Amino acid sequence: MYTQFQSGKQLNFLASEKFTAFPETIDSTNYNVQTDDQGRKYVPAGTVYPTNDTNAIGITVNDVYVPTGESKQMVAVMREGWVLSKRLNPVPTAEAIKAMTAIHFKDLETSGAVSSGAVSPGTVSSD
């Protein structure tokens, strides 16, 4: 379930082995920058890219270290495929899910399972 990423662990959020990803750039100003146990800044795999809202275009495939300042790093961004939303952190908002039309969420049964705010994984629509 986890893969080793140097000193951290990377959760497997993929629901299928097949997906399509394209290279993008990311830097230390990303909303989901975290710090590892050695003080290095990184953006974890499973981050909605570039923002967790209507501008979302995909989900980062791998953890990527980001240097401070204006330097950018390359990161693979999934644009098409199946994922498990419960394993993404933070969970995609309803707006982000709607914007990422080619990404499917296996643990969300219908598009009605999403509210206007954050997704409630496992919620089932009453429709």
Protein backbone atom coordinates (compact mmCIF):
# COMPACT_ATOMS: atom_id res chain seq x y z
CA MET A 1 0.00 0.00 0.00
CA TYR A 2 2.91 2.37 0.67
CA THR A 3 6.03 2.87 -1.42
CA GLN A 4 9.23 4.17 0.10
CA PHE A 5 10.17 7.75 -0.81
CA GLN A 6 13.60 8.35 0.66
CA SER A 7 12.80 9.03 4.32
CA GLY A 8 9.00 9.14 3.92
CA LYS A 9 6.18 6.97 2.70
CA GLN A 10 4.02 7.51 -0.35
CA LEU A 11 0.46 6.22 -0.21
CA ASN A 12 -0.85 4.42 -3.30
CA PHE A 13 -3.98 6.30 -4.37
CA LEU A 14 -4.32 4.68 -7.81
CA ALA A 15 -7.38 2.50 -8.39
CA SER A 16 -6.04 1.16 -11.70
CA GLU A 17 -2.61 0.46 -13.12
CA LYS A 18 -3.42 2.42 -16.28
CA PHE A 19 -3.39 6.20 -16.30
CA THR A 20 -2.17 9.07 -18.43
CA ALA A 21 0.18 11.69 -17.00
CA PHE A 22 1.95 14.70 -18.47
CA PRO A 23 4.93 16.70 -17.17
CA GLU A 24 4.22 19.98 -15.40
CA THR A 25 6.29 22.27 -13.21
CA ILE A 26 5.77 22.97 -9.53
CA ASP A 27 7.52 25.14 -6.96
CA SER A 28 7.62 25.92 -3.25
CA THR A 29 4.55 28.20 -3.47
CA ASN A 30 2.17 25.27 -4.05
CA TYR A 31 -0.70 25.13 -1.53
CA ASN A 32 0.22 21.59 -0.38
CA VAL A 33 3.97 22.01 0.30
CA GLN A 34 5.00 19.90 3.28
CA THR A 35 8.24 19.39 5.18
CA ASP A 36 9.87 15.99 5.62
CA ASP A 37 11.68 14.82 8.76
CA GLN A 38 14.95 16.29 7.44
CA GLY A 39 13.46 19.75 6.88
CA ARG A 40 13.21 19.50 3.09
CA LYS A 41 10.13 20.90 1.32
CA TYR A 42 8.11 18.64 -0.95
CA VAL A 43 4.70 18.29 -2.58
CA PRO A 44 3.27 14.83 -1.91
CA ALA A 45 1.88 12.46 -4.49
CA GLY A 46 -1.88 12.73 -4.71
CA THR A 47 -1.97 16.53 -4.61
CA VAL A 48 -4.64 18.08 -6.83
CA TYR A 49 -2.68 20.22 -9.31
CA PRO A 50 -2.23 23.19 -9.56
CA THR A 51 -4.95 24.12 -7.04
CA ASN A 52 -7.76 22.24 -5.32
CA ASP A 53 -10.58 24.17 -7.01
CA THR A 54 -12.03 24.93 -10.47
CA ASN A 55 -8.48 25.36 -11.84
CA ALA A 56 -7.58 21.71 -11.15
CA ILE A 57 -6.21 19.82 -14.14
CA GLY A 58 -4.89 16.65 -12.51
CA ILE A 59 -3.23 14.88 -9.60
CA THR A 60 0.51 14.61 -8.91
CA VAL A 61 1.76 11.05 -9.39
CA ASN A 62 4.92 11.22 -7.27
CA ASP A 63 6.29 13.12 -4.30
CA VAL A 64 8.56 15.88 -5.56
CA TYR A 65 11.07 17.98 -3.63
CA VAL A 66 10.73 21.69 -4.32
CA PRO A 67 13.58 24.13 -3.77
CA THR A 68 12.88 27.37 -1.96
CA GLY A 69 12.68 30.46 -4.10
CA GLU A 70 11.48 30.65 -7.67
CA SER A 71 13.08 27.43 -8.94
CA LYS A 72 10.64 24.94 -10.43
CA GLN A 73 10.69 21.16 -10.44
CA MET A 74 9.17 18.78 -12.94
CA VAL A 75 6.32 16.57 -11.70
CA ALA A 76 4.13 14.01 -13.45
CA VAL A 77 0.47 15.04 -13.30
CA MET A 78 -2.21 12.44 -13.93
CA ARG A 79 -4.76 13.77 -16.40
CA GLU A 80 -6.74 10.58 -16.97
CA GLY A 81 -7.33 7.50 -14.83
CA TRP A 82 -9.01 6.02 -11.76
CA VAL A 83 -8.14 7.04 -8.19
CA LEU A 84 -9.32 6.50 -4.62
CA SER A 85 -10.32 9.90 -3.23
CA LYS A 86 -10.10 8.69 0.39
CA ARG A 87 -6.34 8.31 -0.04
CA LEU A 88 -5.72 11.82 -1.36
CA ASN A 89 -4.66 14.46 1.13
CA PRO A 90 -6.21 16.92 1.03
CA VAL A 91 -9.37 15.36 -0.38
CA PRO A 92 -10.39 17.05 -3.67
CA THR A 93 -13.12 19.65 -3.47
CA ALA A 94 -16.31 19.22 -5.47
CA GLU A 95 -15.10 21.96 -7.82
CA ALA A 96 -11.79 20.17 -8.43
CA ILE A 97 -13.52 16.86 -9.12
CA LYS A 98 -15.84 18.55 -11.61
CA ALA A 99 -12.89 20.28 -13.33
CA MET A 100 -10.90 17.03 -13.74
CA THR A 101 -13.31 15.43 -16.21
CA ALA A 102 -11.05 12.52 -17.24
CA ILE A 103 -10.17 11.47 -13.70
CA HIS A 104 -12.63 9.04 -12.15
CA PHE A 105 -13.05 8.42 -8.43
CA LYS A 106 -13.74 4.76 -7.74
CA ASP A 107 -14.95 5.35 -4.18
CA LEU A 108 -17.51 7.99 -5.20
CA GLU A 109 -20.53 6.18 -6.57
CA THR A 110 -22.14 9.04 -8.50
CA SER A 111 -21.41 12.64 -9.33
CA GLY A 112 -24.22 13.48 -6.90
CA ALA A 113 -22.04 12.20 -4.05
CA VAL A 114 -20.14 15.46 -4.07
CA SER A 115 -21.23 18.54 -2.17
CA SER A 116 -20.29 22.12 -2.95
CA GLY A 117 -17.44 21.99 -0.45
CA ALA A 118 -14.95 19.19 0.20
CA VAL A 119 -15.80 15.69 -0.88
CA SER A 120 -17.15 13.37 1.75
CA PRO A 121 -15.53 10.10 0.64
CA GLY A 122 -17.90 7.18 0.80
CA THR A 123 -20.97 9.42 0.66
CA VAL A 124 -23.67 7.99 -1.53
CA SER A 125 -26.16 10.06 -3.42
CA SER A 126 -29.82 9.64 -2.53
CA ASP A 127 -30.82 10.13 -6.18
